[in-house]
Amino acid sequence: DPDIKGYKQLLRAVNAILDNYNAYGYEIPDLLNKEYDAGMKVIATMIQDDSIPKGKQIIKRIIKPQVNYKGNMIQAAEVVVAFND
């Protein structure tokens, strides 16, 4: 929430860390709020959520981020996926 005290400083610190990772060939892809596909190489915990459209599966939370090094995944993400049947 941008209205929280210290938000801008925290955002700058996170961006500096990500820039440093990128400089050394690491990448942390943004999976939050992306549509989940059963073929994704992630560890997924599924939760029912009636607020999303029927038949959709959306990544709602990142527990552990995916880490790529020079284009190759070295750590699989652990995510929470909301779905509605």
C-alpha atoms as a PDB file:
ATOM      1  CA  ASP A   1       0.000   0.000   0.000  1.00  0.00           C
ATOM      2  CA  PRO A   2       1.685   3.246  -1.126  1.00  0.00           C
ATOM      3  CA  ASP A   3       0.172   5.175   1.804  1.00  0.00           C
ATOM      4  CA  ILE A   4       2.153   3.237   4.422  1.00  0.00           C
ATOM      5  CA  LYS A   5       5.054   5.090   6.039  1.00  0.00           C
ATOM      6  CA  GLY A   6       8.374   3.924   4.574  1.00  0.00           C
ATOM      7  CA  TYR A   7       6.832   2.474   1.404  1.00  0.00           C
ATOM      8  CA  LYS A   8       9.013   4.495  -0.991  1.00  0.00           C
ATOM      9  CA  GLN A   9      12.228   3.595   0.836  1.00  0.00           C
ATOM     10  CA  LEU A  10      11.292  -0.086   0.868  1.00  0.00           C
ATOM     11  CA  LEU A  11      10.413   0.016  -2.829  1.00  0.00           C
ATOM     12  CA  ARG A  12      13.774   1.628  -3.669  1.00  0.00           C
ATOM     13  CA  ALA A  13      15.633  -0.991  -1.608  1.00  0.00           C
ATOM     14  CA  VAL A  14      13.802  -3.871  -3.309  1.00  0.00           C
ATOM     15  CA  ASN A  15      14.482  -2.399  -6.757  1.00  0.00           C
ATOM     16  CA  ALA A  16      18.182  -1.974  -5.896  1.00  0.00           C
ATOM     17  CA  ILE A  17      18.391  -5.635  -4.841  1.00  0.00           C
ATOM     18  CA  LEU A  18      16.631  -6.790  -8.024  1.00  0.00           C
ATOM     19  CA  ASP A  19      18.918  -4.606 -10.180  1.00  0.00           C
ATOM     20  CA  ASN A  20      21.936  -6.154  -8.454  1.00  0.00           C
ATOM     21  CA  TYR A  21      20.613  -9.687  -9.102  1.00  0.00           C
ATOM     22  CA  ASN A  22      19.991  -8.818 -12.759  1.00  0.00           C
ATOM     23  CA  ALA A  23      23.544  -7.478 -13.129  1.00  0.00           C
ATOM     24  CA  TYR A  24      24.884 -10.917 -12.165  1.00  0.00           C
ATOM     25  CA  GLY A  25      22.582 -12.862 -14.501  1.00  0.00           C
ATOM     26  CA  TYR A  26      19.790 -13.705 -12.052  1.00  0.00           C
ATOM     27  CA  GLU A  27      16.127 -13.048 -12.766  1.00  0.00           C
ATOM     28  CA  ILE A  28      13.043 -13.272 -10.556  1.00  0.00           C
ATOM     29  CA  PRO A  29       9.998 -13.404 -12.868  1.00  0.00           C
ATOM     30  CA  ASP A  30       6.808 -11.696 -11.706  1.00  0.00           C
ATOM     31  CA  LEU A  31       4.185 -14.436 -11.305  1.00  0.00           C
ATOM     32  CA  LEU A  32       1.739 -12.593  -9.045  1.00  0.00           C
ATOM     33  CA  ASN A  33      -1.790 -12.301 -10.507  1.00  0.00           C
ATOM     34  CA  LYS A  34      -0.774 -14.286 -13.597  1.00  0.00           C
ATOM     35  CA  GLU A  35      -2.985 -17.080 -14.886  1.00  0.00           C
ATOM     36  CA  TYR A  36      -1.838 -20.481 -13.625  1.00  0.00           C
ATOM     37  CA  ASP A  37      -1.257 -23.341 -16.059  1.00  0.00           C
ATOM     38  CA  ALA A  38      -0.938 -26.935 -14.797  1.00  0.00           C
ATOM     39  CA  GLY A  39       2.206 -27.292 -16.935  1.00  0.00           C
ATOM     40  CA  MET A  40       4.074 -24.604 -14.989  1.00  0.00           C
ATOM     41  CA  LYS A  41       7.113 -25.768 -13.027  1.00  0.00           C
ATOM     42  CA  VAL A  42       5.925 -24.480  -9.656  1.00  0.00           C
ATOM     43  CA  ILE A  43       4.843 -25.951  -6.343  1.00  0.00           C
ATOM     44  CA  ALA A  44       1.201 -24.888  -6.135  1.00  0.00           C
ATOM     45  CA  THR A  45      -1.246 -24.853  -3.248  1.00  0.00           C
ATOM     46  CA  MET A  46      -4.793 -24.579  -4.574  1.00  0.00           C
ATOM     47  CA  ILE A  47      -7.534 -22.610  -2.786  1.00  0.00           C
ATOM     48  CA  GLN A  48     -11.183 -22.107  -3.773  1.00  0.00           C
ATOM     49  CA  ASP A  49     -12.083 -18.455  -4.472  1.00  0.00           C
ATOM     50  CA  ASP A  50     -15.586 -17.613  -5.682  1.00  0.00           C
ATOM     51  CA  SER A  51     -14.589 -14.003  -6.475  1.00  0.00           C
ATOM     52  CA  ILE A  52     -12.673 -14.944  -9.640  1.00  0.00           C
ATOM     53  CA  PRO A  53     -14.362 -15.951 -12.923  1.00  0.00           C
ATOM     54  CA  LYS A  54     -15.402 -19.586 -13.298  1.00  0.00           C
ATOM     55  CA  GLY A  55     -12.761 -21.797 -14.865  1.00  0.00           C
ATOM     56  CA  LYS A  56      -9.904 -19.388 -14.073  1.00  0.00           C
ATOM     57  CA  GLN A  57      -6.833 -20.167 -11.982  1.00  0.00           C
ATOM     58  CA  ILE A  58      -4.863 -17.130 -10.797  1.00  0.00           C
ATOM     59  CA  ILE A  59      -1.610 -17.008  -8.806  1.00  0.00           C
ATOM     60  CA  LYS A  60      -2.620 -15.011  -5.724  1.00  0.00           C
ATOM     61  CA  ARG A  61       0.444 -15.330  -3.486  1.00  0.00           C
ATOM     62  CA  ILE A  62       4.151 -16.055  -3.867  1.00  0.00           C
ATOM     63  CA  ILE A  63       5.579 -18.013  -0.951  1.00  0.00           C
ATOM     64  CA  LYS A  64       8.991 -18.603  -2.547  1.00  0.00           C
ATOM     65  CA  PRO A  65       9.939 -16.831  -5.797  1.00  0.00           C
ATOM     66  CA  GLN A  66      11.153 -18.529  -8.938  1.00  0.00           C
ATOM     67  CA  VAL A  67      14.822 -17.768  -9.603  1.00  0.00           C
ATOM     68  CA  ASN A  68      16.432 -18.040 -13.033  1.00  0.00           C
ATOM     69  CA  TYR A  69      20.168 -17.822 -13.688  1.00  0.00           C
ATOM     70  CA  LYS A  70      21.201 -16.928 -17.232  1.00  0.00           C
ATOM     71  CA  GLY A  71      17.820 -18.090 -18.527  1.00  0.00           C
ATOM     72  CA  ASN A  72      17.728 -21.418 -16.643  1.00  0.00           C
ATOM     73  CA  MET A  73      15.479 -21.998 -13.642  1.00  0.00           C
ATOM     74  CA  ILE A  74      17.536 -22.777 -10.534  1.00  0.00           C
ATOM     75  CA  GLN A  75      14.703 -22.491  -7.987  1.00  0.00           C
ATOM     76  CA  ALA A  76      11.066 -23.379  -8.582  1.00  0.00           C
ATOM     77  CA  ALA A  77       8.437 -21.024  -7.213  1.00  0.00           C
ATOM     78  CA  GLU A  78       6.076 -21.987  -4.436  1.00  0.00           C
ATOM     79  CA  VAL A  79       2.726 -20.280  -5.023  1.00  0.00           C
ATOM     80  CA  VAL A  80      -0.887 -20.134  -3.855  1.00  0.00           C
ATOM     81  CA  VAL A  81      -3.350 -20.477  -6.730  1.00  0.00           C
ATOM     82  CA  ALA A  82      -6.967 -19.352  -6.434  1.00  0.00           C
ATOM     83  CA  PHE A  83      -9.475 -21.183  -8.610  1.00  0.00           C
ATOM     84  CA  ASN A  84     -13.211 -21.260  -9.239  1.00  0.00           C
ATOM     85  CA  ASP A  85     -14.866 -24.361 -10.671  1.00  0.00           C
END
